[in-house]
């Protein structure tokens, strides 16, 4: 009979090396407005899943889409500026 053994020691042995770097944390911080806008958009979609959207729901969806688009455009502009594109 073969025994099933755990690989916990092998997995956690490298946990110190798997921490995010400062650059990765900075990238996440820069993308946070986009992430939050997408969460708001998903929440707006979820509220309309089981019903016909009312005028208020439609307005909330439009606003959430607009905020998500603005956040993405702003992130793209900041990224282009830091890379020196279009300057």
Protein backbone atom coordinates (compact mmCIF):
# COMPACT_ATOMS: atom_id res chain seq x y z
CA UNK A 1 0.00 0.00 0.00
CA UNK A 2 1.31 3.43 -0.95
CA UNK A 3 1.14 6.14 1.66
CA UNK A 4 0.04 9.64 0.80
CA UNK A 5 2.40 12.14 2.34
CA UNK A 6 2.07 15.84 2.65
CA UNK A 7 4.31 18.27 0.83
CA UNK A 8 3.70 21.04 3.33
CA UNK A 9 7.38 21.30 4.29
CA UNK A 10 8.43 21.61 0.67
CA UNK A 11 5.82 24.26 -0.05
CA UNK A 12 6.35 26.42 3.01
CA UNK A 13 10.12 26.13 2.84
CA UNK A 14 10.13 28.77 0.07
CA UNK A 15 7.50 31.07 1.59
CA UNK A 16 10.08 33.78 2.40
CA UNK A 17 11.05 33.99 -1.26
CA UNK A 18 7.46 34.30 -2.44
CA UNK A 19 6.75 37.70 -0.88
CA UNK A 20 5.86 40.46 -3.35
CA UNK A 21 8.60 42.90 -4.17
CA UNK A 22 8.32 46.63 -3.60
CA UNK A 23 7.83 47.14 -7.34
CA UNK A 24 4.94 44.65 -7.39
CA UNK A 25 3.31 46.34 -4.41
CA UNK A 26 3.69 49.73 -6.11
CA UNK A 27 2.06 48.35 -9.26
CA UNK A 28 -0.87 47.03 -7.25
CA UNK A 29 -1.21 50.39 -5.51
CA UNK A 30 -1.20 52.18 -8.88
CA UNK A 31 -3.93 49.87 -10.21
CA UNK A 32 -6.12 50.11 -7.09
CA UNK A 33 -8.49 52.78 -8.51
CA UNK A 34 -9.16 50.52 -11.50
CA UNK A 35 -9.74 47.53 -9.24
CA UNK A 36 -12.16 49.45 -7.03
CA UNK A 37 -14.04 50.84 -10.05
CA UNK A 38 -14.36 47.32 -11.48
CA UNK A 39 -15.70 46.07 -8.15
CA UNK A 40 -18.29 48.84 -8.17
CA UNK A 41 -19.28 47.90 -11.73
CA UNK A 42 -19.62 44.23 -10.82
CA UNK A 43 -21.76 45.18 -7.82
CA UNK A 44 -24.02 47.21 -10.11
CA UNK A 45 -24.36 44.24 -12.45
CA UNK A 46 -25.11 41.87 -9.57
CA UNK A 47 -27.96 44.03 -8.31
CA UNK A 48 -29.67 43.77 -11.69
CA UNK A 49 -29.27 40.03 -12.22
CA UNK A 50 -32.60 38.88 -10.85
CA UNK A 51 -34.79 41.79 -11.91
CA UNK A 52 -35.48 44.12 -14.77
CA UNK A 53 -33.26 47.17 -14.21
CA UNK A 54 -35.15 50.24 -13.09
CA UNK A 55 -34.19 53.75 -14.15
CA UNK A 56 -32.14 54.07 -11.00
CA UNK A 57 -30.35 50.77 -11.70
CA UNK A 58 -29.63 51.84 -15.28
CA UNK A 59 -28.20 55.13 -14.01
CA UNK A 60 -26.05 53.27 -11.46
CA UNK A 61 -24.72 50.97 -14.22
CA UNK A 62 -23.89 53.92 -16.48
CA UNK A 63 -22.10 55.70 -13.65
CA UNK A 64 -20.14 52.59 -12.72
CA UNK A 65 -19.13 51.99 -16.36
CA UNK A 66 -18.03 55.62 -16.66
CA UNK A 67 -15.97 55.44 -13.46
CA UNK A 68 -14.30 52.22 -14.59
CA UNK A 69 -13.45 53.76 -17.95
CA UNK A 70 -12.10 56.95 -16.37
CA UNK A 71 -9.96 54.91 -13.97
CA UNK A 72 -8.51 52.86 -16.84
CA UNK A 73 -7.78 55.97 -18.92
CA UNK A 74 -6.07 57.64 -15.96
CA UNK A 75 -3.94 54.56 -15.31
CA UNK A 76 -2.98 54.42 -18.98
CA UNK A 77 -2.03 58.10 -18.96
CA UNK A 78 0.07 57.69 -15.81
CA UNK A 79 1.78 54.63 -17.27
CA UNK A 80 2.52 56.41 -20.53
CA UNK A 81 3.89 59.42 -18.63
CA UNK A 82 6.22 57.33 -16.50
CA UNK A 83 7.46 55.48 -19.58
CA UNK A 84 8.01 58.75 -21.43
CA UNK A 85 5.58 57.91 -24.24
CA UNK A 86 3.98 60.89 -25.93
CA UNK A 87 6.16 63.40 -24.14
